[in-house]
Amino acid sequence: MAMRFMTRCGVAGLAFLLAGAQAASAACREDLIRADQDFAKSRSALQASANAAPAVKCNAYRRHVASLAQVSKVFARCDVGAEKAKNAAQTKSALADFTRQMKEACRK
């Protein structure tokens, strides 16, 4: 389930960026690009840690949750599209799900 969710979240993240970048200022475009890059790196590291030691997996989850929190902040500030509320809800849902998964992974 987590792997399927990560894939869906990655696609949704790109959709968020495209929607938010349409009318975003130059500063927002830069922040959106940076957030997308950080998200992609943390998602890849999380996927790579699937069979890693618990400490490695925990660190990957922490980085990914931090990345999603940053994405959420950038979207809150920069997304001016008609789908802003929907995008915010999806980001909040993904953040809650990965935070739950992180807590489970970091208990071990």
PDB file of N, CA and C in Angstrom:
ATOM      1  N   MET A   1       0.817  -1.192   0.000  1.00  0.00           N
ATOM      2  CA  MET A   1       0.000   0.000   0.000  1.00  0.00           C
ATOM      3  C   MET A   1       0.864   1.261   0.000  1.00  0.00           C
ATOM      4  N   ALA A   2       1.894   1.287   0.819  1.00  0.00           N
ATOM      5  CA  ALA A   2       2.729   2.487   0.910  1.00  0.00           C
ATOM      6  C   ALA A   2       3.377   2.807  -0.432  1.00  0.00           C
ATOM      7  N   MET A   3       3.850   1.777  -1.137  1.00  0.00           N
ATOM      8  CA  MET A   3       4.506   2.019  -2.420  1.00  0.00           C
ATOM      9  C   MET A   3       3.509   2.582  -3.432  1.00  0.00           C
ATOM     10  N   ARG A   4       2.285   2.029  -3.468  1.00  0.00           N
ATOM     11  CA  ARG A   4       1.260   2.526  -4.388  1.00  0.00           C
ATOM     12  C   ARG A   4       0.926   3.976  -4.045  1.00  0.00           C
ATOM     13  N   PHE A   5       0.820   4.284  -2.732  1.00  0.00           N
ATOM     14  CA  PHE A   5       0.513   5.635  -2.313  1.00  0.00           C
ATOM     15  C   PHE A   5       1.637   6.591  -2.700  1.00  0.00           C
ATOM     16  N   MET A   6       2.882   6.146  -2.556  1.00  0.00           N
ATOM     17  CA  MET A   6       4.012   7.006  -2.923  1.00  0.00           C
ATOM     18  C   MET A   6       3.963   7.340  -4.400  1.00  0.00           C
ATOM     19  N   THR A   7       3.617   6.371  -5.230  1.00  0.00           N
ATOM     20  CA  THR A   7       3.544   6.618  -6.668  1.00  0.00           C
ATOM     21  C   THR A   7       2.429   7.597  -6.968  1.00  0.00           C
ATOM     22  N   ARG A   8       1.262   7.366  -6.364  1.00  0.00           N
ATOM     23  CA  ARG A   8       0.133   8.265  -6.587  1.00  0.00           C
ATOM     24  C   ARG A   8       0.475   9.670  -6.097  1.00  0.00           C
ATOM     25  N   CYS A   9       1.117   9.762  -4.961  1.00  0.00           N
ATOM     26  CA  CYS A   9       1.468  11.059  -4.395  1.00  0.00           C
ATOM     27  C   CYS A   9       2.469  11.784  -5.291  1.00  0.00           C
ATOM     28  N   GLY A  10       3.394  11.048  -5.882  1.00  0.00           N
ATOM     29  CA  GLY A  10       4.356  11.660  -6.793  1.00  0.00           C
ATOM     30  C   GLY A  10       3.673  12.268  -7.993  1.00  0.00           C
ATOM     31  N   VAL A  11       2.712  11.557  -8.567  1.00  0.00           N
ATOM     32  CA  VAL A  11       1.966  12.077  -9.706  1.00  0.00           C
ATOM     33  C   VAL A  11       1.133  13.267  -9.285  1.00  0.00           C
ATOM     34  N   ALA A  12       0.497  13.167  -8.127  1.00  0.00           N
ATOM     35  CA  ALA A  12      -0.304  14.276  -7.634  1.00  0.00           C
ATOM     36  C   ALA A  12       0.574  15.495  -7.366  1.00  0.00           C
ATOM     37  N   GLY A  13       1.786  15.264  -6.861  1.00  0.00           N
ATOM     38  CA  GLY A  13       2.698  16.376  -6.602  1.00  0.00           C
ATOM     39  C   GLY A  13       3.022  17.146  -7.861  1.00  0.00           C
ATOM     40  N   LEU A  14       3.254  16.436  -8.937  1.00  0.00           N
ATOM     41  CA  LEU A  14       3.518  17.095 -10.200  1.00  0.00           C
ATOM     42  C   LEU A  14       2.308  17.888 -10.655  1.00  0.00           C
ATOM     43  N   ALA A  15       1.117  17.329 -10.484  1.00  0.00           N
ATOM     44  CA  ALA A  15      -0.103  18.038 -10.860  1.00  0.00           C
ATOM     45  C   ALA A  15      -0.254  19.310 -10.031  1.00  0.00           C
ATOM     46  N   PHE A  16       0.091  19.237  -8.731  1.00  0.00           N
ATOM     47  CA  PHE A  16       0.037  20.421  -7.884  1.00  0.00           C
ATOM     48  C   PHE A  16       0.951  21.508  -8.433  1.00  0.00           C
ATOM     49  N   LEU A  17       2.157  21.100  -8.785  1.00  0.00           N
ATOM     50  CA  LEU A  17       3.129  22.069  -9.279  1.00  0.00           C
ATOM     51  C   LEU A  17       2.655  22.743 -10.549  1.00  0.00           C
ATOM     52  N   LEU A  18       2.123  21.963 -11.462  1.00  0.00           N
ATOM     53  CA  LEU A  18       1.655  22.532 -12.721  1.00  0.00           C
ATOM     54  C   LEU A  18       0.493  23.484 -12.491  1.00  0.00           C
ATOM     55  N   ALA A  19      -0.430  23.102 -11.628  1.00  0.00           N
ATOM     56  CA  ALA A  19      -1.587  23.960 -11.353  1.00  0.00           C
ATOM     57  C   ALA A  19      -1.155  25.241 -10.664  1.00  0.00           C
ATOM     58  N   GLY A  20      -0.258  25.128  -9.695  1.00  0.00           N
ATOM     59  CA  GLY A  20       0.165  26.292  -8.940  1.00  0.00           C
ATOM     60  C   GLY A  20       1.090  27.209  -9.699  1.00  0.00           C
ATOM     61  N   ALA A  21       1.837  26.666 -10.637  1.00  0.00           N
ATOM     62  CA  ALA A  21       2.825  27.471 -11.352  1.00  0.00           C
ATOM     63  C   ALA A  21       2.198  28.343 -12.426  1.00  0.00           C
ATOM     64  N   GLN A  22       0.985  28.048 -12.832  1.00  0.00           N
ATOM     65  CA  GLN A  22       0.368  28.775 -13.927  1.00  0.00           C
ATOM     66  C   GLN A  22       0.321  30.275 -13.669  1.00  0.00           C
ATOM     67  N   ALA A  23      -0.089  30.663 -12.486  1.00  0.00           N
ATOM     68  CA  ALA A  23      -0.219  32.081 -12.210  1.00  0.00           C
ATOM     69  C   ALA A  23       0.720  32.536 -11.098  1.00  0.00           C
ATOM     70  N   ALA A  24       1.702  31.747 -10.793  1.00  0.00           N
ATOM     71  CA  ALA A  24       2.595  32.050  -9.685  1.00  0.00           C
ATOM     72  C   ALA A  24       3.629  33.091 -10.062  1.00  0.00           C
ATOM     73  N   SER A  25       4.087  33.811  -9.066  1.00  0.00           N
ATOM     74  CA  SER A  25       5.144  34.791  -9.272  1.00  0.00           C
ATOM     75  C   SER A  25       6.456  34.055  -9.536  1.00  0.00           C
ATOM     76  N   ALA A  26       7.468  34.813  -9.930  1.00  0.00           N
ATOM     77  CA  ALA A  26       8.784  34.216 -10.191  1.00  0.00           C
ATOM     78  C   ALA A  26       9.326  33.539  -8.937  1.00  0.00           C
ATOM     79  N   ALA A  27       9.151  34.167  -7.778  1.00  0.00           N
ATOM     80  CA  ALA A  27       9.635  33.567  -6.525  1.00  0.00           C
ATOM     81  C   ALA A  27       8.899  32.273  -6.234  1.00  0.00           C
ATOM     82  N   CYS A  28       7.609  32.263  -6.476  1.00  0.00           N
ATOM     83  CA  CYS A  28       6.835  31.038  -6.245  1.00  0.00           C
ATOM     84  C   CYS A  28       7.260  29.946  -7.215  1.00  0.00           C
ATOM     85  N   ARG A  29       7.503  30.299  -8.456  1.00  0.00           N
ATOM     86  CA  ARG A  29       7.944  29.285  -9.416  1.00  0.00           C
ATOM     87  C   ARG A  29       9.230  28.635  -8.942  1.00  0.00           C
ATOM     88  N   GLU A  30      10.159  29.437  -8.456  1.00  0.00           N
ATOM     89  CA  GLU A  30      11.423  28.897  -7.945  1.00  0.00           C
ATOM     90  C   GLU A  30      11.176  28.001  -6.731  1.00  0.00           C
ATOM     91  N   ASP A  31      10.322  28.446  -5.827  1.00  0.00           N
ATOM     92  CA  ASP A  31      10.012  27.651  -4.640  1.00  0.00           C
ATOM     93  C   ASP A  31       9.312  26.348  -5.022  1.00  0.00           C
ATOM     94  N   LEU A  32       8.416  26.411  -6.000  1.00  0.00           N
ATOM     95  CA  LEU A  32       7.716  25.209  -6.463  1.00  0.00           C
ATOM     96  C   LEU A  32       8.692  24.216  -7.091  1.00  0.00           C
ATOM     97  N   ILE A  33       9.618  24.722  -7.877  1.00  0.00           N
ATOM     98  CA  ILE A  33      10.618  23.852  -8.499  1.00  0.00           C
ATOM     99  C   ILE A  33      11.481  23.203  -7.431  1.00  0.00           C
ATOM    100  N   ARG A  34      11.934  23.988  -6.472  1.00  0.00           N
ATOM    101  CA  ARG A  34      12.779  23.469  -5.385  1.00  0.00           C
ATOM    102  C   ARG A  34      12.001  22.428  -4.565  1.00  0.00           C
ATOM    103  N   ALA A  35      10.735  22.727  -4.254  1.00  0.00           N
ATOM    104  CA  ALA A  35       9.918  21.790  -3.483  1.00  0.00           C
ATOM    105  C   ALA A  35       9.709  20.497  -4.261  1.00  0.00           C
ATOM    106  N   ASP A  36       9.502  20.608  -5.578  1.00  0.00           N
ATOM    107  CA  ASP A  36       9.323  19.420  -6.409  1.00  0.00           C
ATOM    108  C   ASP A  36      10.595  18.581  -6.427  1.00  0.00           C
ATOM    109  N   GLN A  37      11.738  19.228  -6.535  1.00  0.00           N
ATOM    110  CA  GLN A  37      13.013  18.506  -6.554  1.00  0.00           C
ATOM    111  C   GLN A  37      13.265  17.804  -5.218  1.00  0.00           C
ATOM    112  N   ASP A  38      13.011  18.507  -4.126  1.00  0.00           N
ATOM    113  CA  ASP A  38      13.205  17.917  -2.801  1.00  0.00           C
ATOM    114  C   ASP A  38      12.243  16.753  -2.585  1.00  0.00           C
ATOM    115  N   PHE A  39      11.000  16.925  -3.033  1.00  0.00           N
ATOM    116  CA  PHE A  39       9.998  15.872  -2.906  1.00  0.00           C
ATOM    117  C   PHE A  39      10.432  14.639  -3.697  1.00  0.00           C
ATOM    118  N   ALA A  40      10.897  14.846  -4.921  1.00  0.00           N
ATOM    119  CA  ALA A  40      11.318  13.715  -5.761  1.00  0.00           C
ATOM    120  C   ALA A  40      12.495  12.975  -5.117  1.00  0.00           C
ATOM    121  N   LYS A  41      13.444  13.715  -4.567  1.00  0.00           N
ATOM    122  CA  LYS A  41      14.598  13.088  -3.910  1.00  0.00           C
ATOM    123  C   LYS A  41      14.171  12.299  -2.681  1.00  0.00           C
ATOM    124  N   SER A  42      13.297  12.891  -1.874  1.00  0.00           N
ATOM    125  CA  SER A  42      12.885  12.204  -0.647  1.00  0.00           C
ATOM    126  C   SER A  42      12.017  10.989  -0.974  1.00  0.00           C
ATOM    127  N   ARG A  43      11.192  11.087  -2.005  1.00  0.00           N
ATOM    128  CA  ARG A  43      10.371   9.947  -2.413  1.00  0.00           C
ATOM    129  C   ARG A  43      11.261   8.807  -2.907  1.00  0.00           C
ATOM    130  N   SER A  44      12.274   9.142  -3.700  1.00  0.00           N
ATOM    131  CA  SER A  44      13.210   8.113  -4.184  1.00  0.00           C
ATOM    132  C   SER A  44      13.962   7.460  -3.035  1.00  0.00           C
ATOM    133  N   ALA A  45      14.418   8.268  -2.079  1.00  0.00           N
ATOM    134  CA  ALA A  45      15.135   7.725  -0.921  1.00  0.00           C
ATOM    135  C   ALA A  45      14.218   6.833  -0.087  1.00  0.00           C
ATOM    136  N   LEU A  46      12.961   7.221   0.031  1.00  0.00           N
ATOM    137  CA  LEU A  46      12.009   6.416   0.790  1.00  0.00           C
ATOM    138  C   LEU A  46      11.758   5.082   0.091  1.00  0.00           C
ATOM    139  N   GLN A  47      11.584   5.122  -1.199  1.00  0.00           N
ATOM    140  CA  GLN A  47      11.392   3.883  -1.953  1.00  0.00           C
ATOM    141  C   GLN A  47      12.621   2.986  -1.844  1.00  0.00           C
ATOM    142  N   ALA A  48      13.809   3.584  -1.904  1.00  0.00           N
ATOM    143  CA  ALA A  48      15.057   2.820  -1.812  1.00  0.00           C
ATOM    144  C   ALA A  48      15.248   2.204  -0.427  1.00  0.00           C
ATOM    145  N   SER A  49      14.619   2.780   0.590  1.00  0.00           N
ATOM    146  CA  SER A  49      14.798   2.285   1.957  1.00  0.00           C
ATOM    147  C   SER A  49      13.805   1.191   2.328  1.00  0.00           C
ATOM    148  N   ALA A  50      12.996   0.752   1.392  1.00  0.00           N
ATOM    149  CA  ALA A  50      11.940  -0.226   1.686  1.00  0.00           C
ATOM    150  C   ALA A  50      12.452  -1.455   2.418  1.00  0.00           C
ATOM    151  N   ASN A  51      13.631  -1.943   2.069  1.00  0.00           N
ATOM    152  CA  ASN A  51      14.187  -3.139   2.706  1.00  0.00           C
ATOM    153  C   ASN A  51      15.407  -2.822   3.564  1.00  0.00           C
ATOM    154  N   ALA A  52      15.564  -1.563   3.911  1.00  0.00           N
ATOM    155  CA  ALA A  52      16.732  -1.139   4.690  1.00  0.00           C
ATOM    156  C   ALA A  52      16.510  -1.366   6.184  1.00  0.00           C
ATOM    157  N   ALA A  53      17.559  -1.148   6.927  1.00  0.00           N
ATOM    158  CA  ALA A  53      17.488  -1.234   8.385  1.00  0.00           C
ATOM    159  C   ALA A  53      16.490  -0.203   8.910  1.00  0.00           C
ATOM    160  N   PRO A  54      15.860  -0.485  10.048  1.00  0.00           N
ATOM    161  CA  PRO A  54      14.861   0.436  10.589  1.00  0.00           C
ATOM    162  C   PRO A  54      15.344   1.884  10.735  1.00  0.00           C
ATOM    163  N   ALA A  55      16.564   2.078  11.165  1.00  0.00           N
ATOM    164  CA  ALA A  55      17.070   3.453  11.336  1.00  0.00           C
ATOM    165  C   ALA A  55      17.144   4.188   9.999  1.00  0.00           C
ATOM    166  N   VAL A  56      17.549   3.497   8.957  1.00  0.00           N
ATOM    167  CA  VAL A  56      17.639   4.095   7.622  1.00  0.00           C
ATOM    168  C   VAL A  56      16.242   4.426   7.115  1.00  0.00           C
ATOM    169  N   LYS A  57      15.323   3.494   7.294  1.00  0.00           N
ATOM    170  CA  LYS A  57      13.940   3.705   6.863  1.00  0.00           C
ATOM    171  C   LYS A  57      13.316   4.877   7.629  1.00  0.00           C
ATOM    172  N   CYS A  58      13.561   4.938   8.921  1.00  0.00           N
ATOM    173  CA  CYS A  58      13.042   6.020   9.750  1.00  0.00           C
ATOM    174  C   CYS A  58      13.548   7.376   9.256  1.00  0.00           C
ATOM    175  N   ASN A  59      14.840   7.467   8.987  1.00  0.00           N
ATOM    176  CA  ASN A  59      15.407   8.722   8.481  1.00  0.00           C
ATOM    177  C   ASN A  59      14.808   9.100   7.143  1.00  0.00           C
ATOM    178  N   ALA A  60      14.580   8.124   6.280  1.00  0.00           N
ATOM    179  CA  ALA A  60      13.973   8.394   4.973  1.00  0.00           C
ATOM    180  C   ALA A  60      12.550   8.928   5.151  1.00  0.00           C
ATOM    181  N   TYR A  61      11.806   8.337   6.067  1.00  0.00           N
ATOM    182  CA  TYR A  61      10.449   8.835   6.338  1.00  0.00           C
ATOM    183  C   TYR A  61      10.500  10.255   6.897  1.00  0.00           C
ATOM    184  N   ARG A  62      11.421  10.516   7.796  1.00  0.00           N
ATOM    185  CA  ARG A  62      11.521  11.878   8.364  1.00  0.00           C
ATOM    186  C   ARG A  62      11.821  12.908   7.284  1.00  0.00           C
ATOM    187  N   ARG A  63      12.735  12.580   6.379  1.00  0.00           N
ATOM    188  CA  ARG A  63      13.052  13.509   5.282  1.00  0.00           C
ATOM    189  C   ARG A  63      11.851  13.704   4.365  1.00  0.00           C
ATOM    190  N   HIS A  64      11.118  12.619   4.108  1.00  0.00           N
ATOM    191  CA  HIS A  64       9.974  12.725   3.215  1.00  0.00           C
ATOM    192  C   HIS A  64       8.846  13.538   3.856  1.00  0.00           C
ATOM    193  N   VAL A  65       8.600  13.330   5.122  1.00  0.00           N
ATOM    194  CA  VAL A  65       7.579  14.107   5.825  1.00  0.00           C
ATOM    195  C   VAL A  65       7.977  15.592   5.842  1.00  0.00           C
ATOM    196  N   ALA A  66       9.234  15.874   6.083  1.00  0.00           N
ATOM    197  CA  ALA A  66       9.700  17.270   6.052  1.00  0.00           C
ATOM    198  C   ALA A  66       9.523  17.865   4.660  1.00  0.00           C
ATOM    199  N   SER A  67       9.800  17.076   3.640  1.00  0.00           N
ATOM    200  CA  SER A  67       9.626  17.525   2.258  1.00  0.00           C
ATOM    201  C   SER A  67       8.157  17.835   1.974  1.00  0.00           C
ATOM    202  N   LEU A  68       7.260  16.961   2.406  1.00  0.00           N
ATOM    203  CA  LEU A  68       5.829  17.193   2.204  1.00  0.00           C
ATOM    204  C   LEU A  68       5.348  18.424   2.973  1.00  0.00           C
ATOM    205  N   ALA A  69       5.887  18.631   4.160  1.00  0.00           N
ATOM    206  CA  ALA A  69       5.522  19.822   4.932  1.00  0.00           C
ATOM    207  C   ALA A  69       5.942  21.090   4.185  1.00  0.00           C
ATOM    208  N   GLN A  70       7.114  21.039   3.571  1.00  0.00           N
ATOM    209  CA  GLN A  70       7.577  22.192   2.785  1.00  0.00           C
ATOM    210  C   GLN A  70       6.693  22.400   1.560  1.00  0.00           C
ATOM    211  N   VAL A  71       6.330  21.318   0.886  1.00  0.00           N
ATOM    212  CA  VAL A  71       5.428  21.407  -0.266  1.00  0.00           C
ATOM    213  C   VAL A  71       4.126  22.062   0.164  1.00  0.00           C
ATOM    214  N   SER A  72       3.611  21.645   1.304  1.00  0.00           N
ATOM    215  CA  SER A  72       2.359  22.198   1.817  1.00  0.00           C
ATOM    216  C   SER A  72       2.465  23.709   2.033  1.00  0.00           C
ATOM    217  N   LYS A  73       3.570  24.143   2.600  1.00  0.00           N
ATOM    218  CA  LYS A  73       3.779  25.581   2.839  1.00  0.00           C
ATOM    219  C   LYS A  73       3.858  26.354   1.526  1.00  0.00           C
ATOM    220  N   VAL A  74       4.588  25.806   0.564  1.00  0.00           N
ATOM    221  CA  VAL A  74       4.733  26.482  -0.728  1.00  0.00           C
ATOM    222  C   VAL A  74       3.384  26.566  -1.431  1.00  0.00           C
ATOM    223  N   PHE A  75       2.624  25.484  -1.416  1.00  0.00           N
ATOM    224  CA  PHE A  75       1.312  25.509  -2.065  1.00  0.00           C
ATOM    225  C   PHE A  75       0.372  26.479  -1.372  1.00  0.00           C
ATOM    226  N   ALA A  76       0.398  26.519  -0.055  1.00  0.00           N
ATOM    227  CA  ALA A  76      -0.473  27.440   0.677  1.00  0.00           C
ATOM    228  C   ALA A  76      -0.194  28.885   0.264  1.00  0.00           C
ATOM    229  N   ARG A  77       1.058  29.171   0.006  1.00  0.00           N
ATOM    230  CA  ARG A  77       1.446  30.522  -0.363  1.00  0.00           C
ATOM    231  C   ARG A  77       1.311  30.791  -1.859  1.00  0.00           C
ATOM    232  N   CYS A  78       1.558  29.808  -2.682  1.00  0.00           N
ATOM    233  CA  CYS A  78       1.718  30.061  -4.109  1.00  0.00           C
ATOM    234  C   CYS A  78       0.605  29.540  -5.012  1.00  0.00           C
ATOM    235  N   ASP A  79      -0.151  28.568  -4.574  1.00  0.00           N
ATOM    236  CA  ASP A  79      -1.187  28.006  -5.441  1.00  0.00           C
ATOM    237  C   ASP A  79      -2.351  28.988  -5.520  1.00  0.00           C
ATOM    238  N   VAL A  80      -2.568  29.525  -6.697  1.00  0.00           N
ATOM    239  CA  VAL A  80      -3.657  30.486  -6.898  1.00  0.00           C
ATOM    240  C   VAL A  80      -4.703  29.933  -7.870  1.00  0.00           C
ATOM    241  N   GLY A  81      -4.587  28.663  -8.192  1.00  0.00           N
ATOM    242  CA  GLY A  81      -5.494  28.045  -9.142  1.00  0.00           C
ATOM    243  C   GLY A  81      -6.853  27.737  -8.535  1.00  0.00           C
ATOM    244  N   ALA A  82      -7.761  27.369  -9.399  1.00  0.00           N
ATOM    245  CA  ALA A  82      -9.119  27.030  -8.992  1.00  0.00           C
ATOM    246  C   ALA A  82      -9.150  25.780  -8.118  1.00  0.00           C
ATOM    247  N   GLU A  83      -8.122  24.959  -8.194  1.00  0.00           N
ATOM    248  CA  GLU A  83      -8.057  23.698  -7.449  1.00  0.00           C
ATOM    249  C   GLU A  83      -7.294  23.835  -6.130  1.00  0.00           C
ATOM    250  N   LYS A  84      -7.094  25.068  -5.664  1.00  0.00           N
ATOM    251  CA  LYS A  84      -6.272  25.291  -4.474  1.00  0.00           C
ATOM    252  C   LYS A  84      -6.762  24.489  -3.270  1.00  0.00           C
ATOM    253  N   ALA A  85      -8.044  24.513  -2.992  1.00  0.00           N
ATOM    254  CA  ALA A  85      -8.578  23.792  -1.831  1.00  0.00           C
ATOM    255  C   ALA A  85      -8.384  22.287  -1.995  1.00  0.00           C
ATOM    256  N   LYS A  86      -8.626  21.787  -3.193  1.00  0.00           N
ATOM    257  CA  LYS A  86      -8.448  20.350  -3.458  1.00  0.00           C
ATOM    258  C   LYS A  86      -6.980  19.970  -3.301  1.00  0.00           C
ATOM    259  N   ASN A  87      -6.088  20.780  -3.845  1.00  0.00           N
ATOM    260  CA  ASN A  87      -4.654  20.517  -3.738  1.00  0.00           C
ATOM    261  C   ASN A  87      -4.210  20.530  -2.276  1.00  0.00           C
ATOM    262  N   ALA A  88      -4.720  21.499  -1.513  1.00  0.00           N
ATOM    263  CA  ALA A  88      -4.368  21.595  -0.093  1.00  0.00           C
ATOM    264  C   ALA A  88      -4.854  20.360   0.661  1.00  0.00           C
ATOM    265  N   ALA A  89      -6.056  19.888   0.345  1.00  0.00           N
ATOM    266  CA  ALA A  89      -6.597  18.707   1.008  1.00  0.00           C
ATOM    267  C   ALA A  89      -5.775  17.468   0.668  1.00  0.00           C
ATOM    268  N   GLN A  90      -5.376  17.328  -0.581  1.00  0.00           N
ATOM    269  CA  GLN A  90      -4.566  16.168  -0.981  1.00  0.00           C
ATOM    270  C   GLN A  90      -3.199  16.204  -0.303  1.00  0.00           C
ATOM    271  N   THR A  91      -2.609  17.374  -0.240  1.00  0.00           N
ATOM    272  CA  THR A  91      -1.304  17.506   0.406  1.00  0.00           C
ATOM    273  C   THR A  91      -1.421  17.197   1.898  1.00  0.00           C
ATOM    274  N   LYS A  92      -2.464  17.715   2.534  1.00  0.00           N
ATOM    275  CA  LYS A  92      -2.684  17.462   3.959  1.00  0.00           C
ATOM    276  C   LYS A  92      -2.897  15.972   4.212  1.00  0.00           C
ATOM    277  N   SER A  93      -3.656  15.327   3.354  1.00  0.00           N
ATOM    278  CA  SER A  93      -3.904  13.889   3.480  1.00  0.00           C
ATOM    279  C   SER A  93      -2.610  13.092   3.325  1.00  0.00           C
ATOM    280  N   ALA A  94      -1.804  13.439   2.325  1.00  0.00           N
ATOM    281  CA  ALA A  94      -0.532  12.747   2.107  1.00  0.00           C
ATOM    282  C   ALA A  94       0.393  12.953   3.301  1.00  0.00           C
ATOM    283  N   LEU A  95       0.423  14.167   3.822  1.00  0.00           N
ATOM    284  CA  LEU A  95       1.277  14.466   4.975  1.00  0.00           C
ATOM    285  C   LEU A  95       0.834  13.647   6.192  1.00  0.00           C
ATOM    286  N   ALA A  96      -0.458  13.561   6.413  1.00  0.00           N
ATOM    287  CA  ALA A  96      -0.972  12.780   7.548  1.00  0.00           C
ATOM    288  C   ALA A  96      -0.643  11.301   7.374  1.00  0.00           C
ATOM    289  N   ASP A  97      -0.805  10.781   6.165  1.00  0.00           N
ATOM    290  CA  ASP A  97      -0.535   9.364   5.920  1.00  0.00           C
ATOM    291  C   ASP A  97       0.942   9.040   6.117  1.00  0.00           C
ATOM    292  N   PHE A  98       1.817   9.874   5.549  1.00  0.00           N
ATOM    293  CA  PHE A  98       3.249   9.609   5.696  1.00  0.00           C
ATOM    294  C   PHE A  98       3.734   9.851   7.121  1.00  0.00           C
ATOM    295  N   THR A  99       3.102  10.776   7.834  1.00  0.00           N
ATOM    296  CA  THR A  99       3.459  10.981   9.245  1.00  0.00           C
ATOM    297  C   THR A  99       3.106   9.733  10.042  1.00  0.00           C
ATOM    298  N   ARG A 100       1.941   9.150   9.767  1.00  0.00           N
ATOM    299  CA  ARG A 100       1.541   7.909  10.429  1.00  0.00           C
ATOM    300  C   ARG A 100       2.530   6.788  10.100  1.00  0.00           C
ATOM    301  N   GLN A 101       2.887   6.655   8.822  1.00  0.00           N
ATOM    302  CA  GLN A 101       3.839   5.625   8.407  1.00  0.00           C
ATOM    303  C   GLN A 101       5.208   5.855   9.051  1.00  0.00           C
ATOM    304  N   MET A 102       5.603   7.126   9.167  1.00  0.00           N
ATOM    305  CA  MET A 102       6.882   7.456   9.791  1.00  0.00           C
ATOM    306  C   MET A 102       6.883   7.021  11.262  1.00  0.00           C
ATOM    307  N   LYS A 103       5.793   7.310  11.948  1.00  0.00           N
ATOM    308  CA  LYS A 103       5.718   6.928  13.359  1.00  0.00           C
ATOM    309  C   LYS A 103       5.825   5.418  13.524  1.00  0.00           C
ATOM    310  N   GLU A 104       5.190   4.685  12.636  1.00  0.00           N
ATOM    311  CA  GLU A 104       5.281   3.224  12.676  1.00  0.00           C
ATOM    312  C   GLU A 104       6.701   2.762  12.392  1.00  0.00           C
ATOM    313  N   ALA A 105       7.325   3.335  11.375  1.00  0.00           N
ATOM    314  CA  ALA A 105       8.681   2.928  10.988  1.00  0.00           C
ATOM    315  C   ALA A 105       9.705   3.303  12.047  1.00  0.00           C
ATOM    316  N   CYS A 106       9.491   4.402  12.729  1.00  0.00           N
ATOM    317  CA  CYS A 106      10.473   4.883  13.700  1.00  0.00           C
ATOM    318  C   CYS A 106      10.317   4.244  15.076  1.00  0.00           C
ATOM    319  N   ARG A 107       9.248   3.495  15.304  1.00  0.00           N
ATOM    320  CA  ARG A 107       9.065   2.780  16.564  1.00  0.00           C
ATOM    321  C   ARG A 107       9.954   1.556  16.659  1.00  0.00           C
ATOM    322  N   LYS A 108      10.323   1.040  15.530  1.00  0.00           N
ATOM    323  CA  LYS A 108      11.057  -0.235  15.485  1.00  0.00           C
ATOM    324  C   LYS A 108      12.501  -0.084  15.829  1.00  0.00           C
TER     325      LYS A 108
END
